[in-house]
């Protein structure tokens, strides 16, 4: 499953490095992370990582295969 996750603000390279399995790109006032999510446990782990780093997820969606 491929997901796109949009985070409020522009993440630094250091914060982006906390998500090595995701590709990172910048949009106006947001950071867009996308990539393969292997299963539900991986997805919840990513969300927990965002929360623990104080990042605000503004949108998350599953991309078509």
PDB file of N, CA and C in Angstrom:
ATOM      1  N   UNK A   1       0.838  -1.171   0.000  1.00  0.00           N
ATOM      2  CA  UNK A   1       0.000   0.000   0.000  1.00  0.00           C
ATOM      3  C   UNK A   1       0.888   1.241   0.000  1.00  0.00           C
ATOM      4  N   UNK A   2       0.569   2.164  -0.862  1.00  0.00           N
ATOM      5  CA  UNK A   2       1.280   3.444  -0.877  1.00  0.00           C
ATOM      6  C   UNK A   2       0.407   4.491  -0.193  1.00  0.00           C
ATOM      7  N   UNK A   3       1.051   5.311   0.623  1.00  0.00           N
ATOM      8  CA  UNK A   3       0.349   6.377   1.336  1.00  0.00           C
ATOM      9  C   UNK A   3       1.034   7.702   1.083  1.00  0.00           C
ATOM     10  N   UNK A   4       0.226   8.754   1.170  1.00  0.00           N
ATOM     11  CA  UNK A   4       0.738  10.125   1.167  1.00  0.00           C
ATOM     12  C   UNK A   4       0.295  10.751   2.473  1.00  0.00           C
ATOM     13  N   UNK A   5       1.251  11.330   3.183  1.00  0.00           N
ATOM     14  CA  UNK A   5       0.967  11.947   4.473  1.00  0.00           C
ATOM     15  C   UNK A   5       1.462  13.385   4.411  1.00  0.00           C
ATOM     16  N   UNK A   6       0.569  14.310   4.702  1.00  0.00           N
ATOM     17  CA  UNK A   6       0.916  15.742   4.684  1.00  0.00           C
ATOM     18  C   UNK A   6       1.021  16.241   6.116  1.00  0.00           C
ATOM     19  N   UNK A   7       2.138  16.910   6.390  1.00  0.00           N
ATOM     20  CA  UNK A   7       2.439  17.410   7.723  1.00  0.00           C
ATOM     21  C   UNK A   7       2.484  18.933   7.665  1.00  0.00           C
ATOM     22  N   UNK A   8       1.942  19.561   8.696  1.00  0.00           N
ATOM     23  CA  UNK A   8       1.946  21.028   8.772  1.00  0.00           C
ATOM     24  C   UNK A   8       3.374  21.539   8.890  1.00  0.00           C
ATOM     25  N   UNK A   9       3.699  22.540   8.100  1.00  0.00           N
ATOM     26  CA  UNK A   9       5.024  23.159   8.148  1.00  0.00           C
ATOM     27  C   UNK A   9       6.037  22.409   7.296  1.00  0.00           C
ATOM     28  N   UNK A  10       7.207  22.980   7.198  1.00  0.00           N
ATOM     29  CA  UNK A  10       8.272  22.361   6.411  1.00  0.00           C
ATOM     30  C   UNK A  10       9.266  21.704   7.358  1.00  0.00           C
ATOM     31  N   UNK A  11       9.368  20.391   7.253  1.00  0.00           N
ATOM     32  CA  UNK A  11      10.238  19.613   8.123  1.00  0.00           C
ATOM     33  C   UNK A  11      11.707  19.832   7.758  1.00  0.00           C
ATOM     34  N   UNK A  12      12.538  19.853   8.769  1.00  0.00           N
ATOM     35  CA  UNK A  12      13.981  19.968   8.539  1.00  0.00           C
ATOM     36  C   UNK A  12      14.511  18.635   8.023  1.00  0.00           C
ATOM     37  N   UNK A  13      15.732  18.646   7.536  1.00  0.00           N
ATOM     38  CA  UNK A  13      16.364  17.405   7.078  1.00  0.00           C
ATOM     39  C   UNK A  13      16.503  16.416   8.232  1.00  0.00           C
ATOM     40  N   UNK A  14      16.765  16.929   9.422  1.00  0.00           N
ATOM     41  CA  UNK A  14      16.905  16.071  10.602  1.00  0.00           C
ATOM     42  C   UNK A  14      15.597  15.345  10.897  1.00  0.00           C
ATOM     43  N   UNK A  15      14.480  16.074  10.862  1.00  0.00           N
ATOM     44  CA  UNK A  15      13.181  15.434  11.092  1.00  0.00           C
ATOM     45  C   UNK A  15      12.845  14.463   9.962  1.00  0.00           C
ATOM     46  N   UNK A  16      13.138  14.842   8.733  1.00  0.00           N
ATOM     47  CA  UNK A  16      12.866  13.952   7.595  1.00  0.00           C
ATOM     48  C   UNK A  16      13.639  12.645   7.720  1.00  0.00           C
ATOM     49  N   UNK A  17      14.828  12.707   8.308  1.00  0.00           N
ATOM     50  CA  UNK A  17      15.647  11.509   8.485  1.00  0.00           C
ATOM     51  C   UNK A  17      15.011  10.508   9.438  1.00  0.00           C
ATOM     52  N   UNK A  18      14.035  10.948  10.232  1.00  0.00           N
ATOM     53  CA  UNK A  18      13.331  10.047  11.141  1.00  0.00           C
ATOM     54  C   UNK A  18      12.360   9.142  10.388  1.00  0.00           C
ATOM     55  N   UNK A  19      12.182   9.399   9.089  1.00  0.00           N
ATOM     56  CA  UNK A  19      11.273   8.615   8.255  1.00  0.00           C
ATOM     57  C   UNK A  19      12.011   8.130   7.010  1.00  0.00           C
ATOM     58  N   UNK A  20      13.018   7.284   7.184  1.00  0.00           N
ATOM     59  CA  UNK A  20      13.846   6.876   6.038  1.00  0.00           C
ATOM     60  C   UNK A  20      13.085   6.073   4.993  1.00  0.00           C
ATOM     61  N   UNK A  21      11.963   5.467   5.376  1.00  0.00           N
ATOM     62  CA  UNK A  21      11.198   4.655   4.438  1.00  0.00           C
ATOM     63  C   UNK A  21      10.267   5.484   3.550  1.00  0.00           C
ATOM     64  N   UNK A  22      10.195   6.796   3.811  1.00  0.00           N
ATOM     65  CA  UNK A  22       9.296   7.662   3.055  1.00  0.00           C
ATOM     66  C   UNK A  22      10.082   8.704   2.265  1.00  0.00           C
ATOM     67  N   UNK A  23       9.578   9.030   1.081  1.00  0.00           N
ATOM     68  CA  UNK A  23      10.135  10.124   0.280  1.00  0.00           C
ATOM     69  C   UNK A  23       9.535  11.424   0.780  1.00  0.00           C
ATOM     70  N   UNK A  24      10.333  12.470   0.787  1.00  0.00           N
ATOM     71  CA  UNK A  24       9.892  13.762   1.319  1.00  0.00           C
ATOM     72  C   UNK A  24       9.966  14.826   0.238  1.00  0.00           C
ATOM     73  N   UNK A  25       8.902  15.632   0.150  1.00  0.00           N
ATOM     74  CA  UNK A  25       8.920  16.796  -0.731  1.00  0.00           C
ATOM     75  C   UNK A  25       8.226  17.946   0.001  1.00  0.00           C
ATOM     76  N   UNK A  26       8.535  19.159  -0.418  1.00  0.00           N
ATOM     77  CA  UNK A  26       7.963  20.337   0.225  1.00  0.00           C
ATOM     78  C   UNK A  26       6.871  20.931  -0.637  1.00  0.00           C
ATOM     79  N   UNK A  27       5.798  21.351   0.018  1.00  0.00           N
ATOM     80  CA  UNK A  27       4.696  22.069  -0.611  1.00  0.00           C
ATOM     81  C   UNK A  27       4.524  23.361   0.198  1.00  0.00           C
ATOM     82  N   UNK A  28       3.774  24.313  -0.312  1.00  0.00           N
ATOM     83  CA  UNK A  28       3.572  25.539   0.466  1.00  0.00           C
ATOM     84  C   UNK A  28       2.979  25.225   1.848  1.00  0.00           C
ATOM     85  N   UNK A  29       3.699  25.585   2.891  1.00  0.00           N
ATOM     86  CA  UNK A  29       3.287  25.425   4.288  1.00  0.00           C
ATOM     87  C   UNK A  29       3.098  23.968   4.717  1.00  0.00           C
ATOM     88  N   UNK A  30       3.585  23.012   3.929  1.00  0.00           N
ATOM     89  CA  UNK A  30       3.451  21.599   4.285  1.00  0.00           C
ATOM     90  C   UNK A  30       4.661  20.807   3.816  1.00  0.00           C
ATOM     91  N   UNK A  31       4.830  19.647   4.447  1.00  0.00           N
ATOM     92  CA  UNK A  31       5.779  18.650   3.974  1.00  0.00           C
ATOM     93  C   UNK A  31       4.961  17.436   3.571  1.00  0.00           C
ATOM     94  N   UNK A  32       5.268  16.885   2.409  1.00  0.00           N
ATOM     95  CA  UNK A  32       4.544  15.729   1.888  1.00  0.00           C
ATOM     96  C   UNK A  32       5.480  14.526   1.947  1.00  0.00           C
ATOM     97  N   UNK A  33       5.052  13.494   2.661  1.00  0.00           N
ATOM     98  CA  UNK A  33       5.812  12.254   2.748  1.00  0.00           C
ATOM     99  C   UNK A  33       5.007  11.172   2.048  1.00  0.00           C
ATOM    100  N   UNK A  34       5.667  10.346   1.268  1.00  0.00           N
ATOM    101  CA  UNK A  34       4.948   9.285   0.561  1.00  0.00           C
ATOM    102  C   UNK A  34       5.834   8.060   0.457  1.00  0.00           C
ATOM    103  N   UNK A  35       5.174   6.915   0.394  1.00  0.00           N
ATOM    104  CA  UNK A  35       5.923   5.681   0.252  1.00  0.00           C
ATOM    105  C   UNK A  35       5.100   4.467   0.623  1.00  0.00           C
ATOM    106  N   UNK A  36       5.762   3.331   0.595  1.00  0.00           N
ATOM    107  CA  UNK A  36       5.125   2.054   0.902  1.00  0.00           C
ATOM    108  C   UNK A  36       4.920   1.907   2.403  1.00  0.00           C
ATOM    109  N   UNK A  37       3.732   1.489   2.759  1.00  0.00           N
ATOM    110  CA  UNK A  37       3.409   1.130   4.138  1.00  0.00           C
ATOM    111  C   UNK A  37       3.042  -0.347   4.099  1.00  0.00           C
ATOM    112  N   UNK A  38       3.795  -1.149   4.817  1.00  0.00           N
ATOM    113  CA  UNK A  38       3.676  -2.602   4.671  1.00  0.00           C
ATOM    114  C   UNK A  38       2.397  -3.181   5.252  1.00  0.00           C
ATOM    115  N   UNK A  39       1.941  -2.629   6.369  1.00  0.00           N
ATOM    116  CA  UNK A  39       0.730  -3.155   6.996  1.00  0.00           C
ATOM    117  C   UNK A  39       0.189  -2.131   7.991  1.00  0.00           C
ATOM    118  N   UNK A  40      -0.891  -2.495   8.674  1.00  0.00           N
ATOM    119  CA  UNK A  40      -1.531  -1.574   9.604  1.00  0.00           C
ATOM    120  C   UNK A  40      -0.607  -1.220  10.774  1.00  0.00           C
ATOM    121  N   UNK A  41       0.165  -2.191  11.251  1.00  0.00           N
ATOM    122  CA  UNK A  41       1.090  -1.923  12.350  1.00  0.00           C
ATOM    123  C   UNK A  41       2.140  -0.882  11.935  1.00  0.00           C
ATOM    124  N   UNK A  42       2.628  -0.974  10.708  1.00  0.00           N
ATOM    125  CA  UNK A  42       3.597   0.002  10.195  1.00  0.00           C
ATOM    126  C   UNK A  42       2.955   1.390  10.152  1.00  0.00           C
ATOM    127  N   UNK A  43       1.710   1.472   9.684  1.00  0.00           N
ATOM    128  CA  UNK A  43       0.998   2.748   9.601  1.00  0.00           C
ATOM    129  C   UNK A  43       0.848   3.370  10.985  1.00  0.00           C
ATOM    130  N   UNK A  44       0.412   2.581  11.962  1.00  0.00           N
ATOM    131  CA  UNK A  44       0.255   3.105  13.320  1.00  0.00           C
ATOM    132  C   UNK A  44       1.605   3.494  13.918  1.00  0.00           C
ATOM    133  N   UNK A  45       2.651   2.769  13.566  1.00  0.00           N
ATOM    134  CA  UNK A  45       3.987   3.136  14.019  1.00  0.00           C
ATOM    135  C   UNK A  45       4.430   4.476  13.460  1.00  0.00           C
ATOM    136  N   UNK A  46       4.123   4.712  12.184  1.00  0.00           N
ATOM    137  CA  UNK A  46       4.448   6.012  11.578  1.00  0.00           C
ATOM    138  C   UNK A  46       3.700   7.132  12.289  1.00  0.00           C
ATOM    139  N   UNK A  47       2.415   6.926  12.522  1.00  0.00           N
ATOM    140  CA  UNK A  47       1.612   7.955  13.192  1.00  0.00           C
ATOM    141  C   UNK A  47       2.135   8.231  14.594  1.00  0.00           C
ATOM    142  N   UNK A  48       2.552   7.189  15.302  1.00  0.00           N
ATOM    143  CA  UNK A  48       3.124   7.379  16.636  1.00  0.00           C
ATOM    144  C   UNK A  48       4.427   8.177  16.558  1.00  0.00           C
ATOM    145  N   UNK A  49       5.224   7.922  15.531  1.00  0.00           N
ATOM    146  CA  UNK A  49       6.478   8.660  15.343  1.00  0.00           C
ATOM    147  C   UNK A  49       6.194  10.142  15.086  1.00  0.00           C
ATOM    148  N   UNK A  50       5.185  10.426  14.223  1.00  0.00           N
ATOM    149  CA  UNK A  50       4.818  11.830  13.978  1.00  0.00           C
ATOM    150  C   UNK A  50       4.428  12.500  15.288  1.00  0.00           C
ATOM    151  N   UNK A  51       3.604  11.812  16.072  1.00  0.00           N
ATOM    152  CA  UNK A  51       3.132  12.383  17.328  1.00  0.00           C
ATOM    153  C   UNK A  51       4.276  12.617  18.306  1.00  0.00           C
ATOM    154  N   UNK A  52       5.165  11.646  18.429  1.00  0.00           N
ATOM    155  CA  UNK A  52       6.260  11.777  19.394  1.00  0.00           C
ATOM    156  C   UNK A  52       7.226  12.905  19.013  1.00  0.00           C
ATOM    157  N   UNK A  53       7.295  13.229  17.730  1.00  0.00           N
ATOM    158  CA  UNK A  53       8.155  14.324  17.269  1.00  0.00           C
ATOM    159  C   UNK A  53       7.429  15.672  17.256  1.00  0.00           C
ATOM    160  N   UNK A  54       6.159  15.670  17.673  1.00  0.00           N
ATOM    161  CA  UNK A  54       5.396  16.914  17.736  1.00  0.00           C
ATOM    162  C   UNK A  54       4.939  17.425  16.383  1.00  0.00           C
ATOM    163  N   UNK A  55       4.830  16.520  15.397  1.00  0.00           N
ATOM    164  CA  UNK A  55       4.411  16.913  14.048  1.00  0.00           C
ATOM    165  C   UNK A  55       2.897  16.761  13.911  1.00  0.00           C
ATOM    166  N   UNK A  56       2.268  17.705  13.251  1.00  0.00           N
ATOM    167  CA  UNK A  56       0.819  17.705  13.071  1.00  0.00           C
ATOM    168  C   UNK A  56       0.469  17.193  11.679  1.00  0.00           C
ATOM    169  N   UNK A  57      -0.133  16.008  11.618  1.00  0.00           N
ATOM    170  CA  UNK A  57      -0.571  15.436  10.340  1.00  0.00           C
ATOM    171  C   UNK A  57      -1.873  16.119   9.945  1.00  0.00           C
ATOM    172  N   UNK A  58      -1.880  16.753   8.768  1.00  0.00           N
ATOM    173  CA  UNK A  58      -3.081  17.453   8.311  1.00  0.00           C
ATOM    174  C   UNK A  58      -3.888  16.622   7.315  1.00  0.00           C
ATOM    175  N   UNK A  59      -3.234  15.656   6.665  1.00  0.00           N
ATOM    176  CA  UNK A  59      -3.952  14.801   5.722  1.00  0.00           C
ATOM    177  C   UNK A  59      -3.157  13.511   5.529  1.00  0.00           C
ATOM    178  N   UNK A  60      -3.896  12.436   5.425  1.00  0.00           N
ATOM    179  CA  UNK A  60      -3.275  11.139   5.139  1.00  0.00           C
ATOM    180  C   UNK A  60      -4.219  10.407   4.193  1.00  0.00           C
ATOM    181  N   UNK A  61      -3.652   9.869   3.119  1.00  0.00           N
ATOM    182  CA  UNK A  61      -4.512   9.134   2.190  1.00  0.00           C
ATOM    183  C   UNK A  61      -3.756   8.005   1.534  1.00  0.00           C
ATOM    184  N   UNK A  62      -4.510   6.969   1.230  1.00  0.00           N
ATOM    185  CA  UNK A  62      -3.945   5.816   0.532  1.00  0.00           C
ATOM    186  C   UNK A  62      -3.973   6.141  -0.955  1.00  0.00           C
ATOM    187  N   UNK A  63      -2.857   5.909  -1.622  1.00  0.00           N
ATOM    188  CA  UNK A  63      -2.741   6.195  -3.046  1.00  0.00           C
ATOM    189  C   UNK A  63      -3.149   4.969  -3.853  1.00  0.00           C
ATOM    190  N   UNK A  64      -3.672   5.166  -5.042  1.00  0.00           N
ATOM    191  CA  UNK A  64      -4.015   4.029  -5.899  1.00  0.00           C
ATOM    192  C   UNK A  64      -2.771   3.212  -6.231  1.00  0.00           C
ATOM    193  N   UNK A  65      -2.968   1.929  -6.378  1.00  0.00           N
ATOM    194  CA  UNK A  65      -1.843   1.024  -6.669  1.00  0.00           C
ATOM    195  C   UNK A  65      -1.290   1.239  -8.064  1.00  0.00           C
TER     196      UNK A  65
END
